[in-house]
């Protein structure tokens, strides 16, 4: 497990109880000025955030319609979500989403939803047999940024953040990653547009990337361009995924011999507590690196999540990490921690997206949603269904119901206990 940097002042995180329960969907936003800004929203627990795609088919060639997006927005609003994160501008999803939000605001002056608009960044030759990580796909990247600028101009009441790249610097993104200087170039470009009045001064600019890419990992990331990037962004959007590391770094995952004598639920809760602590350590390591440079920037969580199914490394034949029960615990604990510490968390994700691993329906990438693709509420949201939060709402014309027909006993019976620490899968 990655060690915690010692001797540096970082936030001390509270250990929170772990039983899944309903969201604080009834939280009332703090009174804001007429012009709500990113500085107002980010870190305020009344402005819950989530990552959102909205794709309902097995291919992104089928783009969500404005009507479908409005349907989803009403479900998310009912959950207390008020800030969405998108990933690119070259597909109609982004422009359709902004149009859908504007229509909902026109229909209901009380409707409130804001967007962190992603601009996808690639290296030269991305997703080919020979990606060139020393250069960028200049034409495509420029077009992504230009579209983001136009959307921010057209929807200043909705677009509050532009994120340059998604996991675009982390070196395990072997098909497309770029060097930090590329992200820095485009962040500086956007900051320049703010400075000359072409974009609102209150629009925040960031990049959304793995904690290691922001300096919380190995020394290979600690380069001059990263330091300059940290000075250029308005905040850091950090990704942390303990679920993925249950297989690749199982030192923190599993149950101890002493815990093996506990009831099943307590064994799982102990493992999930360590998973939360693992994410907190990655956040703390990144904060320590940044503060060690003499830089003060807010750090929010651009992505974290826990898949509910996997037919490979994370499922029954591997680390036994993925199911709705563990996902619900992680979601609840993450929300409690980030709410308590004033951290926005763009939880990944709202709805399952089957296009991500279309050739493998059981792949974990297809199963990160709090809702299934057909709009069933997973265990993390069962309490909300019971409370009537989604009454009159649905997806695809179907009302919101619970997965597994709401049979909690059957769900708990299907949940597997993580392996004993010494029996955890090899790295």
Protein backbone atom coordinates (compact mmCIF):
# COMPACT_ATOMS: atom_id res chain seq x y z
CA UNK A 1 0.00 0.00 0.00
CA UNK A 2 1.23 3.52 -0.77
CA UNK A 3 2.68 5.04 2.39
CA UNK A 4 1.31 8.26 3.85
CA UNK A 5 3.72 11.19 3.66
CA UNK A 6 4.64 12.03 7.22
CA UNK A 7 5.45 15.34 8.83
CA UNK A 8 3.30 17.38 6.47
CA UNK A 9 0.18 19.13 7.60
CA UNK A 10 -2.74 17.49 5.85
CA UNK A 11 -6.35 17.11 6.71
CA UNK A 12 -7.18 14.48 9.34
CA UNK A 13 -10.11 12.53 8.09
CA UNK A 14 -12.92 11.28 10.24
CA UNK A 15 -13.85 7.62 10.19
CA UNK A 16 -17.53 7.44 9.41
CA UNK A 17 -20.11 4.70 10.06
CA UNK A 18 -20.72 2.57 7.02
CA UNK A 19 -24.24 1.16 6.72
CA UNK A 20 -25.87 2.22 3.41
CA UNK A 21 -28.66 4.73 3.70
CA UNK A 22 -30.43 7.43 1.79
CA UNK A 23 -28.65 10.54 0.55
CA UNK A 24 -29.19 13.92 2.18
CA UNK A 25 -31.30 14.76 -0.82
CA UNK A 26 -33.28 17.37 1.08
CA UNK A 27 -30.26 19.57 1.84
CA UNK A 28 -31.04 23.22 1.15
CA UNK A 29 -28.38 25.16 -0.77
CA UNK A 30 -26.74 28.00 1.10
CA UNK A 31 -28.09 31.35 -0.06
CA UNK A 32 -26.10 32.40 -3.12
CA UNK A 33 -25.77 35.61 -5.13
CA UNK A 34 -27.73 35.80 -8.36
CA UNK A 35 -24.65 34.73 -10.30
CA UNK A 36 -23.66 31.37 -8.87
CA UNK A 37 -20.00 30.60 -9.55
CA UNK A 38 -17.72 27.59 -9.28
CA UNK A 39 -16.24 29.15 -6.16
CA UNK A 40 -19.72 29.10 -4.60
CA UNK A 41 -20.59 25.57 -5.66
CA UNK A 42 -17.45 23.50 -5.23
CA UNK A 43 -17.05 22.28 -1.67
CA UNK A 44 -20.63 23.06 -0.67
CA UNK A 45 -22.36 19.77 0.26
CA UNK A 46 -25.70 21.24 -0.76
CA UNK A 47 -24.39 21.15 -4.35
CA UNK A 48 -23.88 17.43 -4.79
CA UNK A 49 -21.84 16.46 -7.86
CA UNK A 50 -21.80 13.39 -10.12
CA UNK A 51 -20.16 12.14 -13.32
CA UNK A 52 -22.68 11.75 -16.11
CA UNK A 53 -22.79 10.33 -19.62
CA UNK A 54 -26.39 9.37 -20.21
CA UNK A 55 -25.70 6.88 -23.03
CA UNK A 56 -28.39 4.20 -23.22
CA UNK A 57 -27.10 2.03 -26.08
CA UNK A 58 -24.11 -0.26 -26.55
CA UNK A 59 -22.42 2.32 -28.74
CA UNK A 60 -21.84 6.05 -28.44
CA UNK A 61 -22.95 6.33 -32.05
CA UNK A 62 -26.42 6.48 -30.47
CA UNK A 63 -26.43 9.81 -28.69
CA UNK A 64 -28.91 10.58 -25.90
CA UNK A 65 -31.71 12.86 -27.01
CA UNK A 66 -32.69 16.06 -25.25
CA UNK A 67 -35.87 14.36 -24.02
CA UNK A 68 -33.86 11.47 -22.56
CA UNK A 69 -31.40 13.84 -20.93
CA UNK A 70 -34.25 15.82 -19.35
CA UNK A 71 -35.64 12.58 -17.96
CA UNK A 72 -32.26 11.84 -16.34
CA UNK A 73 -31.88 15.40 -15.04
CA UNK A 74 -35.12 15.11 -13.10
CA UNK A 75 -33.96 11.85 -11.51
CA UNK A 76 -30.65 13.43 -10.51
CA UNK A 77 -32.36 16.54 -9.21
CA UNK A 78 -34.54 14.33 -7.01
CA UNK A 79 -31.34 12.83 -5.54
CA UNK A 80 -30.04 16.28 -4.65
CA UNK A 81 -27.51 16.41 -7.51
CA UNK A 82 -26.80 19.93 -8.77
CA UNK A 83 -23.45 19.65 -10.57
CA UNK A 84 -22.61 17.32 -13.47
CA UNK A 85 -19.31 16.39 -15.06
CA UNK A 86 -19.06 15.61 -18.79
CA UNK A 87 -16.09 14.26 -20.77
CA UNK A 88 -15.87 15.65 -24.30
CA UNK A 89 -17.34 18.20 -26.66
CA UNK A 90 -17.12 16.41 -30.03
CA UNK A 91 -20.21 14.27 -29.40
CA UNK A 92 -23.75 15.64 -29.26
CA UNK A 93 -24.19 14.52 -25.64
CA UNK A 94 -22.53 17.67 -24.29
CA UNK A 95 -24.45 20.21 -26.38
CA UNK A 96 -27.70 18.27 -25.94
CA UNK A 97 -27.18 18.19 -22.19
CA UNK A 98 -26.75 21.96 -21.99
CA UNK A 99 -29.85 22.46 -24.11
CA UNK A 100 -31.80 20.04 -21.90
CA UNK A 101 -30.82 21.90 -18.74
CA UNK A 102 -31.77 25.22 -20.27
CA UNK A 103 -35.20 23.85 -21.25
CA UNK A 104 -35.77 22.55 -17.73
CA UNK A 105 -34.79 25.92 -16.27
CA UNK A 106 -37.22 27.61 -18.63
CA UNK A 107 -39.99 25.22 -17.62
CA UNK A 108 -39.23 25.48 -13.90
CA UNK A 109 -37.39 28.56 -12.57
CA UNK A 110 -36.51 26.54 -9.47
CA UNK A 111 -34.58 23.92 -11.45
CA UNK A 112 -30.86 24.20 -10.74
CA UNK A 113 -28.08 22.26 -12.48
CA UNK A 114 -24.51 23.23 -13.35
CA UNK A 115 -21.84 21.59 -15.49
CA UNK A 116 -18.14 20.89 -15.36
CA UNK A 117 -17.54 20.63 -19.10
CA UNK A 118 -14.83 18.22 -20.18
CA UNK A 119 -12.60 18.70 -23.22
CA UNK A 120 -10.97 15.42 -24.30
CA UNK A 121 -7.22 15.61 -24.96
CA UNK A 122 -5.21 13.04 -26.94
CA UNK A 123 -1.61 12.47 -27.90
CA UNK A 124 -0.61 12.21 -31.56
CA UNK A 125 -1.66 8.84 -32.96
CA UNK A 126 -3.93 8.11 -30.00
CA UNK A 127 -5.71 4.74 -30.03
CA UNK A 128 -3.45 3.42 -32.80
CA UNK A 129 -0.68 0.84 -32.63
CA UNK A 130 1.90 3.64 -32.28
CA UNK A 131 0.74 6.49 -30.06
CA UNK A 132 3.28 9.32 -29.84
CA UNK A 133 3.24 10.54 -26.25
CA UNK A 134 5.79 13.24 -27.00
CA UNK A 135 3.31 15.16 -29.14
CA UNK A 136 -0.37 16.04 -29.09
CA UNK A 137 -3.17 15.59 -31.59
CA UNK A 138 -3.12 19.32 -32.14
CA UNK A 139 -6.05 19.59 -34.54
CA UNK A 140 -8.46 17.45 -32.52
CA UNK A 141 -7.43 19.01 -29.21
CA UNK A 142 -7.82 22.54 -30.55
CA UNK A 143 -11.31 21.67 -31.79
CA UNK A 144 -12.26 20.19 -28.39
CA UNK A 145 -11.14 23.36 -26.63
CA UNK A 146 -12.82 25.65 -29.18
CA UNK A 147 -16.15 23.87 -28.72
CA UNK A 148 -15.80 24.08 -24.94
CA UNK A 149 -15.21 27.82 -25.23
CA UNK A 150 -18.27 28.30 -27.41
CA UNK A 151 -20.45 26.27 -25.03
CA UNK A 152 -19.19 28.24 -22.03
CA UNK A 153 -20.05 31.46 -23.85
CA UNK A 154 -23.48 30.23 -24.89
CA UNK A 155 -24.39 28.80 -21.48
CA UNK A 156 -22.63 30.94 -18.86
CA UNK A 157 -25.43 30.27 -16.37
CA UNK A 158 -24.78 26.53 -16.60
CA UNK A 159 -21.10 25.91 -17.48
CA UNK A 160 -19.08 26.79 -14.39
CA UNK A 161 -15.91 24.75 -15.00
CA UNK A 162 -13.93 23.59 -18.03
CA UNK A 163 -11.73 20.53 -17.46
CA UNK A 164 -8.88 20.10 -19.94
CA UNK A 165 -8.46 16.36 -20.43
CA UNK A 166 -9.67 13.26 -18.63
CA UNK A 167 -6.91 11.05 -17.20
CA UNK A 168 -4.84 12.57 -20.01
CA UNK A 169 -1.52 12.68 -18.10
CA UNK A 170 -1.51 9.39 -16.22
CA UNK A 171 0.95 7.02 -17.84
CA UNK A 172 -1.25 3.94 -17.62
CA UNK A 173 -3.56 5.61 -20.16
CA UNK A 174 -1.21 4.07 -22.71
CA UNK A 175 -3.45 4.65 -25.73
CA UNK A 176 -3.59 8.43 -25.51
CA UNK A 177 -1.75 10.14 -22.62
CA UNK A 178 0.07 13.42 -23.16
CA UNK A 179 2.82 15.20 -21.26
CA UNK A 180 1.79 17.81 -18.66
CA UNK A 181 3.03 20.58 -20.94
CA UNK A 182 0.16 19.91 -23.35
CA UNK A 183 -2.44 20.31 -20.60
CA UNK A 184 -0.59 23.41 -19.36
CA UNK A 185 -0.72 24.94 -22.84
CA UNK A 186 -4.50 24.63 -23.07
CA UNK A 187 -5.14 25.67 -19.45
CA UNK A 188 -3.06 28.81 -20.07
CA UNK A 189 -5.01 29.43 -23.28
CA UNK A 190 -8.31 29.33 -21.40
CA UNK A 191 -6.97 31.45 -18.56
CA UNK A 192 -5.88 33.97 -21.21
CA UNK A 193 -9.40 34.09 -22.62
CA UNK A 194 -10.66 34.84 -19.12
CA UNK A 195 -8.07 37.57 -18.67
CA UNK A 196 -9.08 39.36 -21.89
CA UNK A 197 -12.79 39.09 -21.15
CA UNK A 198 -13.73 36.47 -23.74
CA UNK A 199 -14.74 34.06 -20.97
CA UNK A 200 -16.23 34.91 -17.57
CA UNK A 201 -13.63 35.63 -14.93
CA UNK A 202 -15.57 33.38 -12.55
CA UNK A 203 -15.27 30.33 -14.86
CA UNK A 204 -12.84 27.88 -13.25
CA UNK A 205 -10.31 25.92 -15.29
CA UNK A 206 -8.81 22.57 -14.28
CA UNK A 207 -7.73 19.19 -15.58
CA UNK A 208 -9.29 15.98 -14.26
CA UNK A 209 -6.70 13.28 -13.63
CA UNK A 210 -5.44 10.44 -11.49
CA UNK A 211 -3.96 11.38 -8.11
CA UNK A 212 -0.51 10.23 -9.28
CA UNK A 213 -0.59 12.68 -12.19
CA UNK A 214 -1.12 15.53 -9.73
CA UNK A 215 2.03 14.58 -7.82
CA UNK A 216 0.58 12.12 -5.32
CA UNK A 217 2.34 9.14 -6.88
CA UNK A 218 5.83 8.41 -8.15
CA UNK A 219 8.65 10.85 -8.82
CA UNK A 220 8.30 10.33 -12.58
CA UNK A 221 5.36 12.76 -12.45
CA UNK A 222 7.23 15.47 -10.52
CA UNK A 223 8.26 17.61 -13.47
CA UNK A 224 8.47 21.36 -13.97
CA UNK A 225 5.43 21.49 -16.27
CA UNK A 226 3.31 19.82 -13.59
CA UNK A 227 4.36 22.46 -11.09
CA UNK A 228 3.45 25.17 -13.58
CA UNK A 229 0.14 23.47 -14.26
CA UNK A 230 -0.66 23.37 -10.56
CA UNK A 231 -0.08 27.12 -10.44
CA UNK A 232 -2.23 27.70 -13.54
CA UNK A 233 -5.40 25.78 -12.64
CA UNK A 234 -8.10 27.20 -10.40
CA UNK A 235 -8.43 23.89 -8.54
CA UNK A 236 -7.24 20.30 -8.76
CA UNK A 237 -9.69 17.63 -9.93
CA UNK A 238 -8.32 14.37 -8.53
CA UNK A 239 -9.27 10.75 -9.33
CA UNK A 240 -8.99 7.91 -6.83
CA UNK A 241 -10.19 4.32 -7.34
CA UNK A 242 -9.51 1.90 -4.48
CA UNK A 243 -11.75 -0.67 -6.20
CA UNK A 244 -9.31 -1.08 -9.07
CA UNK A 245 -6.44 -1.58 -6.65
CA UNK A 246 -8.18 -4.36 -4.74
CA UNK A 247 -6.60 -6.64 -7.30
CA UNK A 248 -3.45 -4.78 -8.29
CA UNK A 249 -2.49 -3.62 -4.79
CA UNK A 250 -4.33 -5.88 -2.32
CA UNK A 251 -2.20 -4.96 0.69
CA UNK A 252 -5.11 -2.85 1.96
CA UNK A 253 -7.89 -5.17 0.75
CA UNK A 254 -9.28 -8.25 2.41
CA UNK A 255 -10.00 -9.37 5.96
CA UNK A 256 -7.49 -10.13 8.69
CA UNK A 257 -7.40 -13.41 10.57
CA UNK A 258 -8.93 -11.67 13.59
CA UNK A 259 -11.75 -10.21 11.47
CA UNK A 260 -12.49 -13.63 9.97
CA UNK A 261 -14.24 -14.53 13.22
CA UNK A 262 -16.68 -11.63 12.86
CA UNK A 263 -20.12 -11.79 11.21
CA UNK A 264 -20.09 -11.42 7.44
CA UNK A 265 -21.32 -7.83 7.41
CA UNK A 266 -18.64 -6.73 9.89
CA UNK A 267 -15.89 -8.37 7.84
CA UNK A 268 -17.04 -6.47 4.77
CA UNK A 269 -17.39 -3.20 6.65
CA UNK A 270 -13.82 -3.50 7.95
CA UNK A 271 -12.53 -4.04 4.41
CA UNK A 272 -14.54 -1.09 3.11
CA UNK A 273 -13.20 1.12 5.89
CA UNK A 274 -9.69 0.37 4.66
CA UNK A 275 -10.81 1.14 1.09
CA UNK A 276 -12.01 4.56 2.15
CA UNK A 277 -8.78 5.17 4.06
CA UNK A 278 -6.85 4.19 0.93
CA UNK A 279 -8.63 6.89 -1.07
CA UNK A 280 -8.04 9.39 1.73
CA UNK A 281 -4.33 8.57 1.69
CA UNK A 282 -4.12 9.25 -2.04
CA UNK A 283 -5.86 12.58 -1.52
CA UNK A 284 -3.55 13.40 1.39
CA UNK A 285 -0.40 12.45 -0.53
CA UNK A 286 -1.41 14.74 -3.37
CA UNK A 287 -2.24 17.58 -1.00
CA UNK A 288 1.14 17.13 0.68
CA UNK A 289 3.01 17.29 -2.62
CA UNK A 290 1.18 20.43 -3.72
CA UNK A 291 1.61 22.23 -0.41
CA UNK A 292 5.28 21.22 -0.41
CA UNK A 293 5.68 23.29 -3.58
CA UNK A 294 4.26 26.31 -1.74
CA UNK A 295 1.06 26.15 -3.83
CA UNK A 296 -2.38 26.53 -2.32
CA UNK A 297 -5.22 25.24 -4.46
CA UNK A 298 -8.55 23.60 -3.60
CA UNK A 299 -8.55 19.86 -4.29
CA UNK A 300 -11.83 18.24 -5.27
CA UNK A 301 -12.52 14.68 -6.39
CA UNK A 302 -13.22 14.56 -10.10
CA UNK A 303 -13.87 10.82 -10.06
CA UNK A 304 -14.22 7.95 -7.67
CA UNK A 305 -16.58 5.02 -7.70
CA UNK A 306 -17.11 1.32 -7.07
CA UNK A 307 -18.44 -1.11 -9.68
CA UNK A 308 -21.30 -3.41 -8.78
CA UNK A 309 -20.24 -6.34 -10.98
CA UNK A 310 -17.17 -7.79 -12.65
CA UNK A 311 -16.46 -11.03 -14.49
CA UNK A 312 -12.70 -10.62 -14.14
CA UNK A 313 -10.15 -9.33 -11.63
CA UNK A 314 -12.56 -7.65 -9.22
CA UNK A 315 -15.35 -10.20 -9.10
CA UNK A 316 -15.92 -13.64 -7.59
CA UNK A 317 -12.82 -15.13 -9.20
CA UNK A 318 -10.59 -12.28 -8.11
CA UNK A 319 -10.66 -9.80 -5.27
CA UNK A 320 -14.40 -10.26 -4.61
CA UNK A 321 -14.80 -6.50 -4.45
CA UNK A 322 -17.68 -5.78 -6.81
CA UNK A 323 -21.31 -6.02 -5.75
CA UNK A 324 -24.14 -3.63 -4.94
CA UNK A 325 -23.63 -3.98 -1.19
CA UNK A 326 -19.98 -2.90 -1.16
CA UNK A 327 -20.68 -0.22 -3.74
CA UNK A 328 -23.39 1.24 -1.50
CA UNK A 329 -21.06 1.33 1.49
CA UNK A 330 -18.34 3.08 -0.52
CA UNK A 331 -20.79 5.61 -1.95
CA UNK A 332 -22.17 6.48 1.45
CA UNK A 333 -18.78 6.73 3.13
CA UNK A 334 -17.36 8.83 0.31
CA UNK A 335 -20.27 11.25 0.49
CA UNK A 336 -19.99 11.55 4.26
CA UNK A 337 -16.25 12.19 4.20
CA UNK A 338 -16.29 14.72 1.37
CA UNK A 339 -19.34 16.53 2.75
CA UNK A 340 -17.67 16.79 6.15
CA UNK A 341 -14.40 18.12 4.72
CA UNK A 342 -15.86 20.51 2.14
CA UNK A 343 -14.71 18.48 -0.88
CA UNK A 344 -16.84 18.20 -4.00
CA UNK A 345 -17.03 14.61 -5.23
CA UNK A 346 -18.06 13.95 -8.84
CA UNK A 347 -19.04 10.40 -7.99
CA UNK A 348 -18.63 7.94 -10.87
CA UNK A 349 -21.28 7.52 -12.00
CA UNK A 350 -25.00 8.24 -12.33
CA UNK A 351 -26.09 5.47 -14.73
CA UNK A 352 -24.47 2.32 -16.06
CA UNK A 353 -23.03 2.84 -19.56
CA UNK A 354 -22.85 -0.41 -21.50
CA UNK A 355 -20.89 1.07 -24.42
CA UNK A 356 -17.73 1.18 -22.31
CA UNK A 357 -17.11 -2.56 -22.69
CA UNK A 358 -19.74 -3.50 -25.25
CA UNK A 359 -18.06 -6.76 -26.17
CA UNK A 360 -18.05 -7.94 -22.56
CA UNK A 361 -21.39 -7.25 -20.83
CA UNK A 362 -20.02 -8.51 -17.50
CA UNK A 363 -17.03 -6.16 -17.54
CA UNK A 364 -16.73 -3.85 -14.57
CA UNK A 365 -16.58 -0.70 -16.72
CA UNK A 366 -20.24 -1.27 -17.61
CA UNK A 367 -21.39 -1.37 -13.98
CA UNK A 368 -20.34 1.77 -12.10
CA UNK A 369 -23.76 3.44 -12.11
CA UNK A 370 -26.00 4.10 -9.14
CA UNK A 371 -28.79 3.24 -11.59
CA UNK A 372 -28.81 0.42 -14.11
CA UNK A 373 -29.03 1.42 -17.75
CA UNK A 374 -32.79 0.76 -17.72
CA UNK A 375 -33.30 2.97 -14.67
CA UNK A 376 -33.46 0.52 -11.79
CA UNK A 377 -32.10 1.92 -8.52
CA UNK A 378 -29.18 -0.08 -7.15
CA UNK A 379 -28.83 -0.83 -3.43
CA UNK A 380 -27.18 2.52 -2.69
CA UNK A 381 -30.48 4.20 -3.61
CA UNK A 382 -33.02 1.72 -2.21
CA UNK A 383 -33.75 3.96 0.77
CA UNK A 384 -34.58 6.78 -1.64
CA UNK A 385 -37.05 4.58 -3.47
CA UNK A 386 -38.68 3.70 -0.15
CA UNK A 387 -38.88 7.40 0.72
CA UNK A 388 -40.72 8.19 -2.53
CA UNK A 389 -37.93 10.43 -3.84
CA UNK A 390 -38.46 9.19 -7.41
CA UNK A 391 -42.26 9.15 -7.39
CA UNK A 392 -43.58 10.07 -10.82
CA UNK A 393 -40.13 9.87 -12.40
CA UNK A 394 -38.42 7.20 -14.45
CA UNK A 395 -36.17 6.29 -17.35
CA UNK A 396 -37.33 5.14 -20.74
CA UNK A 397 -40.94 5.38 -19.68
CA UNK A 398 -40.46 2.95 -16.80
CA UNK A 399 -40.86 4.02 -13.14
CA UNK A 400 -37.90 3.63 -10.82
CA UNK A 401 -37.85 0.28 -9.06
CA UNK A 402 -35.20 -1.52 -7.03
CA UNK A 403 -32.73 -4.01 -8.42
CA UNK A 404 -33.26 -7.65 -7.35
CA UNK A 405 -36.92 -6.75 -6.82
CA UNK A 406 -35.88 -5.10 -3.56
CA UNK A 407 -35.08 -8.47 -1.93
CA UNK A 408 -32.44 -7.39 0.57
CA UNK A 409 -32.00 -10.88 2.01
CA UNK A 410 -31.22 -12.28 -1.43
CA UNK A 411 -28.84 -9.44 -2.15
CA UNK A 412 -26.94 -9.96 1.10
CA UNK A 413 -26.79 -13.70 0.51
CA UNK A 414 -25.10 -13.09 -2.87
CA UNK A 415 -22.41 -10.82 -1.42
CA UNK A 416 -18.97 -12.41 -1.06
CA UNK A 417 -16.53 -11.73 1.76
CA UNK A 418 -13.14 -10.44 0.58
CA UNK A 419 -10.28 -12.94 0.77
CA UNK A 420 -8.05 -13.26 3.80
CA UNK A 421 -5.14 -10.84 3.53
CA UNK A 422 -2.56 -13.59 3.01
CA UNK A 423 -4.79 -15.19 0.36
CA UNK A 424 -5.40 -11.98 -1.56
CA UNK A 425 -4.70 -12.17 -5.33
CA UNK A 426 -1.11 -11.52 -6.34
CA UNK A 427 -0.18 -8.07 -7.60
